[in-house]
């Protein structure tokens, strides 16, 4: 999944841009639907916990990715209900 590569790169370099986050989530949905985004959310949840436990210097970025992914899923669910 390309989304995981983008997230890993972001965590390695310690930088994150909001547009890159949104584009990554849209790409993940385009590749595998909302189930792929949910799978990404589960992966990020485990990863954020692991990075926090290890006191990784970019653990805050992992939490931002996780929060953004959850917000994306909530927004998509609201959009589906509105239609």
Protein backbone atom coordinates (compact mmCIF):
# COMPACT_ATOMS: atom_id res chain seq x y z
CA UNK A 1 0.00 0.00 0.00
CA UNK A 2 1.49 3.29 -1.08
CA UNK A 3 -0.12 5.08 1.85
CA UNK A 4 2.09 3.19 4.29
CA UNK A 5 5.16 4.23 2.32
CA UNK A 6 4.09 7.88 2.46
CA UNK A 7 3.47 7.67 6.20
CA UNK A 8 6.79 5.92 6.84
CA UNK A 9 8.62 8.57 4.83
CA UNK A 10 6.89 11.33 6.78
CA UNK A 11 7.90 9.74 10.08
CA UNK A 12 11.49 9.23 8.93
CA UNK A 13 12.00 12.84 7.88
CA UNK A 14 9.91 14.23 10.72
CA UNK A 15 7.77 16.43 8.50
CA UNK A 16 4.15 16.46 7.53
CA UNK A 17 2.08 18.65 5.22
CA UNK A 18 -1.72 18.73 5.48
CA UNK A 19 -2.14 18.42 1.72
CA UNK A 20 0.07 15.34 1.66
CA UNK A 21 -2.02 13.77 4.42
CA UNK A 22 -5.28 14.38 2.59
CA UNK A 23 -3.88 13.22 -0.73
CA UNK A 24 -2.54 10.05 0.88
CA UNK A 25 -5.92 9.24 2.42
CA UNK A 26 -7.73 9.92 -0.85
CA UNK A 27 -5.26 7.70 -2.70
CA UNK A 28 -5.78 4.92 -0.16
CA UNK A 29 -9.54 5.15 -0.63
CA UNK A 30 -9.18 5.18 -4.40
CA UNK A 31 -7.00 2.07 -4.27
CA UNK A 32 -9.10 -0.01 -1.91
CA UNK A 33 -12.20 1.84 -0.80
CA UNK A 34 -13.05 2.85 2.73
CA UNK A 35 -12.06 -0.58 3.97
CA UNK A 36 -8.48 0.25 2.98
CA UNK A 37 -8.68 3.50 4.96
CA UNK A 38 -10.07 1.60 7.95
CA UNK A 39 -7.22 -0.89 7.66
CA UNK A 40 -4.79 2.02 7.54
CA UNK A 41 -6.41 3.45 10.67
CA UNK A 42 -5.93 0.16 12.53
CA UNK A 43 -2.30 0.00 11.42
CA UNK A 44 -1.69 3.60 12.49
CA UNK A 45 -3.29 2.95 15.86
CA UNK A 46 -0.91 0.07 16.57
CA UNK A 47 2.06 2.02 15.21
CA UNK A 48 1.29 5.16 17.21
CA UNK A 49 1.11 3.07 20.39
CA UNK A 50 4.42 1.37 19.60
CA UNK A 51 6.17 4.64 18.79
CA UNK A 52 4.88 6.22 22.00
CA UNK A 53 6.08 3.26 24.04
CA UNK A 54 9.55 3.64 22.52
CA UNK A 55 9.52 7.43 22.96
CA UNK A 56 10.21 7.85 19.24
CA UNK A 57 11.08 11.48 18.40
CA UNK A 58 8.34 11.67 15.75
CA UNK A 59 5.61 9.92 17.71
CA UNK A 60 3.49 13.09 17.57
CA UNK A 61 3.41 12.82 13.78
CA UNK A 62 2.09 9.28 14.02
CA UNK A 63 -0.67 10.56 16.28
CA UNK A 64 -1.46 13.33 13.78
CA UNK A 65 -1.71 10.76 10.98
CA UNK A 66 -4.03 8.66 13.14
CA UNK A 67 -6.24 11.61 14.05
CA UNK A 68 -6.43 12.75 10.44
CA UNK A 69 -7.36 9.27 9.28
CA UNK A 70 -10.11 9.02 11.85
CA UNK A 71 -11.41 12.47 10.90
CA UNK A 72 -11.39 11.42 7.25
CA UNK A 73 -13.45 8.31 8.03
CA UNK A 74 -15.95 10.34 10.05
CA UNK A 75 -16.30 12.89 7.26
CA UNK A 76 -16.80 10.21 4.61
CA UNK A 77 -19.46 8.55 6.79
CA UNK A 78 -21.27 11.87 7.17
CA UNK A 79 -21.09 12.46 3.43
CA UNK A 80 -22.61 9.05 2.76
CA UNK A 81 -25.48 9.76 5.15
CA UNK A 82 -26.13 13.12 3.48
CA UNK A 83 -26.54 11.53 0.05
